[in-house]
PDB file of all heavy atoms in Angstrom:
ATOM      1  N   CYS A   1      11.596   1.420 -16.440  1.00  0.00           N
ATOM      2  CA  CYS A   1      12.456   1.032 -17.557  1.00  0.00           C
ATOM      3  C   CYS A   1      13.121   2.274 -18.157  1.00  0.00           C
ATOM      4  O   CYS A   1      12.464   3.292 -18.365  1.00  0.00           O
ATOM      5  CB  CYS A   1      11.581   0.338 -18.596  1.00  0.00           C
ATOM      6  SG  CYS A   1      12.462  -0.285 -20.019  1.00  0.00           S
ATOM      7  N   GLY A   2      14.420   2.195 -18.415  1.00  0.00           N
ATOM      8  CA  GLY A   2      15.122   3.284 -19.093  1.00  0.00           C
ATOM      9  C   GLY A   2      15.357   4.518 -18.242  1.00  0.00           C
ATOM     10  O   GLY A   2      15.434   5.629 -18.765  1.00  0.00           O
ATOM     11  N   PHE A   3      15.527   4.334 -16.932  1.00  0.00           N
ATOM     12  CA  PHE A   3      15.792   5.455 -16.025  1.00  0.00           C
ATOM     13  C   PHE A   3      17.093   6.141 -16.430  1.00  0.00           C
ATOM     14  O   PHE A   3      18.082   5.481 -16.734  1.00  0.00           O
ATOM     15  CB  PHE A   3      15.878   4.928 -14.584  1.00  0.00           C
ATOM     16  CG  PHE A   3      16.029   5.992 -13.544  1.00  0.00           C
ATOM     17  CD1 PHE A   3      14.921   6.676 -13.074  1.00  0.00           C
ATOM     18  CD2 PHE A   3      17.270   6.301 -13.019  1.00  0.00           C
ATOM     19  CE1 PHE A   3      15.048   7.654 -12.087  1.00  0.00           C
ATOM     20  CE2 PHE A   3      17.413   7.270 -12.036  1.00  0.00           C
ATOM     21  CZ  PHE A   3      16.304   7.948 -11.575  1.00  0.00           C
ATOM     22  N   LYS A   4      17.074   7.451 -16.444  1.00  0.00           N
ATOM     23  CA  LYS A   4      18.273   8.218 -16.788  1.00  0.00           C
ATOM     24  C   LYS A   4      18.983   8.597 -15.489  1.00  0.00           C
ATOM     25  O   LYS A   4      18.736   9.650 -14.925  1.00  0.00           O
ATOM     26  CB  LYS A   4      17.896   9.441 -17.610  1.00  0.00           C
ATOM     27  CG  LYS A   4      17.374   9.077 -18.988  1.00  0.00           C
ATOM     28  CD  LYS A   4      16.885  10.294 -19.742  1.00  0.00           C
ATOM     29  CE  LYS A   4      16.414   9.984 -21.131  1.00  0.00           C
ATOM     30  NZ  LYS A   4      15.428   8.952 -21.270  1.00  0.00           N
ATOM     31  N   GLY A   5      19.874   7.732 -15.048  1.00  0.00           N
ATOM     32  CA  GLY A   5      20.525   7.912 -13.754  1.00  0.00           C
ATOM     33  C   GLY A   5      21.740   8.791 -13.800  1.00  0.00           C
ATOM     34  O   GLY A   5      21.838   9.777 -13.087  1.00  0.00           O
ATOM     35  N   GLY A   6      22.714   8.443 -14.614  1.00  0.00           N
ATOM     36  CA  GLY A   6      23.928   9.229 -14.716  1.00  0.00           C
ATOM     37  C   GLY A   6      24.969   8.932 -13.660  1.00  0.00           C
ATOM     38  O   GLY A   6      26.152   8.921 -13.941  1.00  0.00           O
ATOM     39  N   SER A   7      24.533   8.706 -12.414  1.00  0.00           N
ATOM     40  CA  SER A   7      25.478   8.420 -11.331  1.00  0.00           C
ATOM     41  C   SER A   7      24.792   7.545 -10.282  1.00  0.00           C
ATOM     42  O   SER A   7      23.564   7.477 -10.223  1.00  0.00           O
ATOM     43  CB  SER A   7      25.961   9.714 -10.669  1.00  0.00           C
ATOM     44  OG  SER A   7      24.905  10.303  -9.912  1.00  0.00           O
ATOM     45  N   LYS A   8      25.611   6.921  -9.478  1.00  0.00           N
ATOM     46  CA  LYS A   8      25.095   6.080  -8.391  1.00  0.00           C
ATOM     47  C   LYS A   8      24.190   6.903  -7.465  1.00  0.00           C
ATOM     48  O   LYS A   8      23.104   6.466  -7.087  1.00  0.00           O
ATOM     49  CB  LYS A   8      26.280   5.492  -7.622  1.00  0.00           C
ATOM     50  CG  LYS A   8      25.939   4.488  -6.574  1.00  0.00           C
ATOM     51  CD  LYS A   8      27.252   4.057  -5.911  1.00  0.00           C
ATOM     52  CE  LYS A   8      27.192   2.740  -5.255  1.00  0.00           C
ATOM     53  NZ  LYS A   8      28.473   2.339  -4.658  1.00  0.00           N
ATOM     54  N   LYS A   9      24.628   8.096  -7.102  1.00  0.00           N
ATOM     55  CA  LYS A   9      23.858   8.956  -6.205  1.00  0.00           C
ATOM     56  C   LYS A   9      22.490   9.281  -6.802  1.00  0.00           C
ATOM     57  O   LYS A   9      21.467   9.176  -6.118  1.00  0.00           O
ATOM     58  CB  LYS A   9      24.638  10.239  -5.917  1.00  0.00           C
ATOM     59  CG  LYS A   9      23.914  11.168  -4.979  1.00  0.00           C
ATOM     60  CD  LYS A   9      24.705  12.436  -4.733  1.00  0.00           C
ATOM     61  CE  LYS A   9      23.883  13.387  -3.882  1.00  0.00           C
ATOM     62  NZ  LYS A   9      24.504  14.687  -3.740  1.00  0.00           N
ATOM     63  N   ARG A  10      22.455   9.676  -8.063  1.00  0.00           N
ATOM     64  CA  ARG A  10      21.178  10.019  -8.705  1.00  0.00           C
ATOM     65  C   ARG A  10      20.261   8.815  -8.792  1.00  0.00           C
ATOM     66  O   ARG A  10      19.053   8.928  -8.623  1.00  0.00           O
ATOM     67  CB  ARG A  10      21.418  10.603 -10.101  1.00  0.00           C
ATOM     68  CG  ARG A  10      21.867  12.044 -10.020  1.00  0.00           C
ATOM     69  CD  ARG A  10      21.568  12.891 -11.229  1.00  0.00           C
ATOM     70  NE  ARG A  10      20.186  12.849 -11.633  1.00  0.00           N
ATOM     71  CZ  ARG A  10      19.786  12.846 -12.890  1.00  0.00           C
ATOM     72  NH1 ARG A  10      20.649  12.861 -13.866  1.00  0.00           N
ATOM     73  NH2 ARG A  10      18.508  12.830 -13.188  1.00  0.00           N
ATOM     74  N   VAL A  11      20.825   7.638  -9.045  1.00  0.00           N
ATOM     75  CA  VAL A  11      20.016   6.420  -9.116  1.00  0.00           C
ATOM     76  C   VAL A  11      19.406   6.121  -7.748  1.00  0.00           C
ATOM     77  O   VAL A  11      18.210   5.820  -7.642  1.00  0.00           O
ATOM     78  CB  VAL A  11      20.866   5.238  -9.622  1.00  0.00           C
ATOM     79  CG1 VAL A  11      20.176   3.912  -9.380  1.00  0.00           C
ATOM     80  CG2 VAL A  11      21.176   5.414 -11.105  1.00  0.00           C
ATOM     81  N   LEU A  12      20.204   6.212  -6.701  1.00  0.00           N
ATOM     82  CA  LEU A  12      19.686   5.938  -5.357  1.00  0.00           C
ATOM     83  C   LEU A  12      18.636   6.969  -4.949  1.00  0.00           C
ATOM     84  O   LEU A  12      17.636   6.630  -4.309  1.00  0.00           O
ATOM     85  CB  LEU A  12      20.829   5.870  -4.348  1.00  0.00           C
ATOM     86  CG  LEU A  12      21.807   4.704  -4.552  1.00  0.00           C
ATOM     87  CD1 LEU A  12      22.965   4.793  -3.566  1.00  0.00           C
ATOM     88  CD2 LEU A  12      21.105   3.356  -4.460  1.00  0.00           C
ATOM     89  N   GLU A  13      18.834   8.227  -5.324  1.00  0.00           N
ATOM     90  CA  GLU A  13      17.812   9.260  -5.069  1.00  0.00           C
ATOM     91  C   GLU A  13      16.519   8.916  -5.799  1.00  0.00           C
ATOM     92  O   GLU A  13      15.426   9.019  -5.231  1.00  0.00           O
ATOM     93  CB  GLU A  13      18.295  10.634  -5.535  1.00  0.00           C
ATOM     94  CG  GLU A  13      19.309  11.293  -4.644  1.00  0.00           C
ATOM     95  CD  GLU A  13      19.856  12.582  -5.233  1.00  0.00           C
ATOM     96  OE1 GLU A  13      19.907  12.740  -6.467  1.00  0.00           O
ATOM     97  OE2 GLU A  13      20.251  13.444  -4.432  1.00  0.00           O
ATOM     98  N   GLY A  14      16.640   8.522  -7.053  1.00  0.00           N
ATOM     99  CA  GLY A  14      15.468   8.166  -7.848  1.00  0.00           C
ATOM    100  C   GLY A  14      14.720   6.966  -7.277  1.00  0.00           C
ATOM    101  O   GLY A  14      13.486   6.953  -7.240  1.00  0.00           O
ATOM    102  N   LEU A  15      15.469   5.974  -6.826  1.00  0.00           N
ATOM    103  CA  LEU A  15      14.839   4.809  -6.203  1.00  0.00           C
ATOM    104  C   LEU A  15      14.103   5.207  -4.926  1.00  0.00           C
ATOM    105  O   LEU A  15      12.963   4.776  -4.694  1.00  0.00           O
ATOM    106  CB  LEU A  15      15.893   3.742  -5.890  1.00  0.00           C
ATOM    107  CG  LEU A  15      16.384   2.941  -7.083  1.00  0.00           C
ATOM    108  CD1 LEU A  15      17.683   2.221  -6.749  1.00  0.00           C
ATOM    109  CD2 LEU A  15      15.320   1.956  -7.538  1.00  0.00           C
ATOM    110  N   ALA A  16      14.744   6.019  -4.093  1.00  0.00           N
ATOM    111  CA  ALA A  16      14.119   6.464  -2.840  1.00  0.00           C
ATOM    112  C   ALA A  16      12.831   7.234  -3.127  1.00  0.00           C
ATOM    113  O   ALA A  16      11.806   7.013  -2.471  1.00  0.00           O
ATOM    114  CB  ALA A  16      15.102   7.321  -2.040  1.00  0.00           C
ATOM    115  N   GLN A  17      12.855   8.114  -4.108  1.00  0.00           N
ATOM    116  CA  GLN A  17      11.662   8.892  -4.448  1.00  0.00           C
ATOM    117  C   GLN A  17      10.566   8.009  -5.036  1.00  0.00           C
ATOM    118  O   GLN A  17       9.384   8.188  -4.727  1.00  0.00           O
ATOM    119  CB  GLN A  17      12.027  10.026  -5.393  1.00  0.00           C
ATOM    120  CG  GLN A  17      12.818  11.099  -4.703  1.00  0.00           C
ATOM    121  CD  GLN A  17      13.212  12.239  -5.619  1.00  0.00           C
ATOM    122  OE1 GLN A  17      12.914  12.240  -6.805  1.00  0.00           O
ATOM    123  NE2 GLN A  17      13.909  13.213  -5.062  1.00  0.00           N
ATOM    124  N   THR A  18      10.950   7.059  -5.871  1.00  0.00           N
ATOM    125  CA  THR A  18       9.972   6.141  -6.473  1.00  0.00           C
ATOM    126  C   THR A  18       9.235   5.367  -5.396  1.00  0.00           C
ATOM    127  O   THR A  18       8.006   5.248  -5.428  1.00  0.00           O
ATOM    128  CB  THR A  18      10.681   5.173  -7.441  1.00  0.00           C
ATOM    129  OG1 THR A  18      11.242   5.945  -8.511  1.00  0.00           O
ATOM    130  CG2 THR A  18       9.727   4.132  -7.998  1.00  0.00           C
ATOM    131  N   ILE A  19       9.972   4.861  -4.430  1.00  0.00           N
ATOM    132  CA  ILE A  19       9.351   4.089  -3.354  1.00  0.00           C
ATOM    133  C   ILE A  19       8.483   4.992  -2.482  1.00  0.00           C
ATOM    134  O   ILE A  19       7.333   4.649  -2.165  1.00  0.00           O
ATOM    135  CB  ILE A  19      10.418   3.354  -2.523  1.00  0.00           C
ATOM    136  CG1 ILE A  19      11.088   2.279  -3.375  1.00  0.00           C
ATOM    137  CG2 ILE A  19       9.796   2.743  -1.266  1.00  0.00           C
ATOM    138  CD1 ILE A  19      12.332   1.664  -2.770  1.00  0.00           C
ATOM    139  N   ALA A  20       8.990   6.149  -2.103  1.00  0.00           N
ATOM    140  CA  ALA A  20       8.248   7.055  -1.222  1.00  0.00           C
ATOM    141  C   ALA A  20       6.964   7.565  -1.881  1.00  0.00           C
ATOM    142  O   ALA A  20       5.950   7.742  -1.195  1.00  0.00           O
ATOM    143  CB  ALA A  20       9.130   8.228  -0.799  1.00  0.00           C
ATOM    144  N   GLN A  21       6.980   7.764  -3.180  1.00  0.00           N
ATOM    145  CA  GLN A  21       5.763   8.202  -3.874  1.00  0.00           C
ATOM    146  C   GLN A  21       4.688   7.127  -3.838  1.00  0.00           C
ATOM    147  O   GLN A  21       3.500   7.416  -3.823  1.00  0.00           O
ATOM    148  CB  GLN A  21       6.074   8.567  -5.328  1.00  0.00           C
ATOM    149  CG  GLN A  21       6.814   9.862  -5.471  1.00  0.00           C
ATOM    150  CD  GLN A  21       7.312  10.104  -6.892  1.00  0.00           C
ATOM    151  OE1 GLN A  21       7.176   9.258  -7.776  1.00  0.00           O
ATOM    152  NE2 GLN A  21       7.906  11.268  -7.108  1.00  0.00           N
ATOM    153  N   ASP A  22       5.102   5.872  -3.822  1.00  0.00           N
ATOM    154  CA  ASP A  22       4.158   4.765  -3.847  1.00  0.00           C
ATOM    155  C   ASP A  22       3.767   4.294  -2.446  1.00  0.00           C
ATOM    156  O   ASP A  22       2.701   3.715  -2.263  1.00  0.00           O
ATOM    157  CB  ASP A  22       4.753   3.601  -4.654  1.00  0.00           C
ATOM    158  CG  ASP A  22       3.721   2.551  -4.981  1.00  0.00           C
ATOM    159  OD1 ASP A  22       2.612   2.920  -5.417  1.00  0.00           O
ATOM    160  OD2 ASP A  22       4.011   1.356  -4.788  1.00  0.00           O
ATOM    161  N   VAL A  23       4.635   4.527  -1.468  1.00  0.00           N
ATOM    162  CA  VAL A  23       4.379   4.090  -0.089  1.00  0.00           C
ATOM    163  C   VAL A  23       4.504   5.332   0.805  1.00  0.00           C
ATOM    164  O   VAL A  23       5.602   5.661   1.270  1.00  0.00           O
ATOM    165  CB  VAL A  23       5.379   2.987   0.341  1.00  0.00           C
ATOM    166  CG1 VAL A  23       5.045   2.480   1.739  1.00  0.00           C
ATOM    167  CG2 VAL A  23       5.425   1.847  -0.659  1.00  0.00           C
ATOM    168  N   PRO A  24       3.393   6.037   1.029  1.00  0.00           N
ATOM    169  CA  PRO A  24       3.441   7.323   1.730  1.00  0.00           C
ATOM    170  C   PRO A  24       4.054   7.291   3.134  1.00  0.00           C
ATOM    171  O   PRO A  24       4.571   8.309   3.589  1.00  0.00           O
ATOM    172  CB  PRO A  24       1.969   7.751   1.796  1.00  0.00           C
ATOM    173  CG  PRO A  24       1.308   7.004   0.699  1.00  0.00           C
ATOM    174  CD  PRO A  24       2.046   5.708   0.564  1.00  0.00           C
ATOM    175  N   SER A  25       4.040   6.155   3.814  1.00  0.00           N
ATOM    176  CA  SER A  25       4.606   6.104   5.170  1.00  0.00           C
ATOM    177  C   SER A  25       6.134   6.123   5.160  1.00  0.00           C
ATOM    178  O   SER A  25       6.759   6.301   6.195  1.00  0.00           O
ATOM    179  CB  SER A  25       4.118   4.848   5.899  1.00  0.00           C
ATOM    180  OG  SER A  25       4.589   3.683   5.238  1.00  0.00           O
ATOM    181  N   ILE A  26       6.725   5.964   3.985  1.00  0.00           N
ATOM    182  CA  ILE A  26       8.180   5.931   3.866  1.00  0.00           C
ATOM    183  C   ILE A  26       8.690   7.281   3.364  1.00  0.00           C
ATOM    184  O   ILE A  26       8.173   7.831   2.387  1.00  0.00           O
ATOM    185  CB  ILE A  26       8.625   4.785   2.922  1.00  0.00           C
ATOM    186  CG1 ILE A  26       8.254   3.443   3.555  1.00  0.00           C
ATOM    187  CG2 ILE A  26      10.109   4.863   2.628  1.00  0.00           C
ATOM    188  CD1 ILE A  26       8.563   2.237   2.691  1.00  0.00           C
ATOM    189  N   ASP A  27       9.706   7.802   4.028  1.00  0.00           N
ATOM    190  CA  ASP A  27      10.278   9.105   3.699  1.00  0.00           C
ATOM    191  C   ASP A  27      11.450   8.946   2.724  1.00  0.00           C
ATOM    192  O   ASP A  27      12.399   8.193   2.999  1.00  0.00           O
ATOM    193  CB  ASP A  27      10.755   9.782   4.993  1.00  0.00           C
ATOM    194  CG  ASP A  27      11.377  11.123   4.723  1.00  0.00           C
ATOM    195  OD1 ASP A  27      10.646  12.054   4.340  1.00  0.00           O
ATOM    196  OD2 ASP A  27      12.616  11.237   4.879  1.00  0.00           O
ATOM    197  N   ALA A  28      11.386   9.633   1.598  1.00  0.00           N
ATOM    198  CA  ALA A  28      12.413   9.513   0.558  1.00  0.00           C
ATOM    199  C   ALA A  28      13.800   9.890   1.072  1.00  0.00           C
ATOM    200  O   ALA A  28      14.783   9.212   0.768  1.00  0.00           O
ATOM    201  CB  ALA A  28      12.047  10.373  -0.650  1.00  0.00           C
ATOM    202  N   ASP A  29      13.896  10.972   1.848  1.00  0.00           N
ATOM    203  CA  ASP A  29      15.206  11.400   2.361  1.00  0.00           C
ATOM    204  C   ASP A  29      15.808  10.347   3.291  1.00  0.00           C
ATOM    205  O   ASP A  29      17.008  10.072   3.232  1.00  0.00           O
ATOM    206  CB  ASP A  29      15.099  12.744   3.088  1.00  0.00           C
ATOM    207  CG  ASP A  29      14.807  13.896   2.141  1.00  0.00           C
ATOM    208  OD1 ASP A  29      15.142  13.785   0.939  1.00  0.00           O
ATOM    209  OD2 ASP A  29      14.241  14.904   2.592  1.00  0.00           O
ATOM    210  N   GLU A  30      14.968   9.750   4.131  1.00  0.00           N
ATOM    211  CA  GLU A  30      15.432   8.714   5.051  1.00  0.00           C
ATOM    212  C   GLU A  30      15.939   7.492   4.264  1.00  0.00           C
ATOM    213  O   GLU A  30      16.997   6.947   4.568  1.00  0.00           O
ATOM    214  CB  GLU A  30      14.292   8.304   5.992  1.00  0.00           C
ATOM    215  CG  GLU A  30      14.612   7.135   6.884  1.00  0.00           C
ATOM    216  CD  GLU A  30      15.546   7.484   8.030  1.00  0.00           C
ATOM    217  OE1 GLU A  30      15.793   8.674   8.280  1.00  0.00           O
ATOM    218  OE2 GLU A  30      16.034   6.545   8.674  1.00  0.00           O
ATOM    219  N   VAL A  31      15.179   7.090   3.255  1.00  0.00           N
ATOM    220  CA  VAL A  31      15.585   5.940   2.438  1.00  0.00           C
ATOM    221  C   VAL A  31      16.907   6.236   1.743  1.00  0.00           C
ATOM    222  O   VAL A  31      17.824   5.413   1.751  1.00  0.00           O
ATOM    223  CB  VAL A  31      14.489   5.571   1.415  1.00  0.00           C
ATOM    224  CG1 VAL A  31      14.998   4.546   0.406  1.00  0.00           C
ATOM    225  CG2 VAL A  31      13.247   5.062   2.120  1.00  0.00           C
ATOM    226  N   PHE A  32      17.017   7.411   1.146  1.00  0.00           N
ATOM    227  CA  PHE A  32      18.250   7.784   0.451  1.00  0.00           C
ATOM    228  C   PHE A  32      19.447   7.740   1.402  1.00  0.00           C
ATOM    229  O   PHE A  32      20.485   7.152   1.086  1.00  0.00           O
ATOM    230  CB  PHE A  32      18.103   9.169  -0.185  1.00  0.00           C
ATOM    231  CG  PHE A  32      19.374   9.660  -0.817  1.00  0.00           C
ATOM    232  CD1 PHE A  32      19.895   9.038  -1.944  1.00  0.00           C
ATOM    233  CD2 PHE A  32      20.053  10.736  -0.277  1.00  0.00           C
ATOM    234  CE1 PHE A  32      21.079   9.487  -2.523  1.00  0.00           C
ATOM    235  CE2 PHE A  32      21.237  11.187  -0.853  1.00  0.00           C
ATOM    236  CZ  PHE A  32      21.745  10.564  -1.975  1.00  0.00           C
ATOM    237  N   LYS A  33      19.300   8.334   2.586  1.00  0.00           N
ATOM    238  CA  LYS A  33      20.403   8.345   3.563  1.00  0.00           C
ATOM    239  C   LYS A  33      20.802   6.922   3.955  1.00  0.00           C
ATOM    240  O   LYS A  33      21.990   6.615   4.075  1.00  0.00           O
ATOM    241  CB  LYS A  33      20.000   9.133   4.811  1.00  0.00           C
ATOM    242  CG  LYS A  33      19.968  10.622   4.594  1.00  0.00           C
ATOM    243  CD  LYS A  33      19.471  11.345   5.829  1.00  0.00           C
ATOM    244  CE  LYS A  33      19.228  12.807   5.507  1.00  0.00           C
ATOM    245  NZ  LYS A  33      18.582  13.513   6.605  1.00  0.00           N
ATOM    246  N   ARG A  34      19.820   6.063   4.141  1.00  0.00           N
ATOM    247  CA  ARG A  34      20.131   4.686   4.542  1.00  0.00           C
ATOM    248  C   ARG A  34      20.766   3.895   3.396  1.00  0.00           C
ATOM    249  O   ARG A  34      21.669   3.090   3.626  1.00  0.00           O
ATOM    250  CB  ARG A  34      18.892   3.999   5.086  1.00  0.00           C
ATOM    251  CG  ARG A  34      18.491   4.596   6.426  1.00  0.00           C
ATOM    252  CD  ARG A  34      17.497   3.750   7.130  1.00  0.00           C
ATOM    253  NE  ARG A  34      17.141   4.359   8.401  1.00  0.00           N
ATOM    254  CZ  ARG A  34      17.019   3.673   9.520  1.00  0.00           C
ATOM    255  NH1 ARG A  34      17.216   2.376   9.536  1.00  0.00           N
ATOM    256  NH2 ARG A  34      16.663   4.282  10.627  1.00  0.00           N
TER     257      ARG A  34
END
């Protein structure tokens, strides 16, 4: 709640990192690129 995104790119990076931190088999950089 209340994520400070600022831009589409930053939001997508934040989402990728959030998921990768919770699901170790998933790579944040790969998710972001996709």
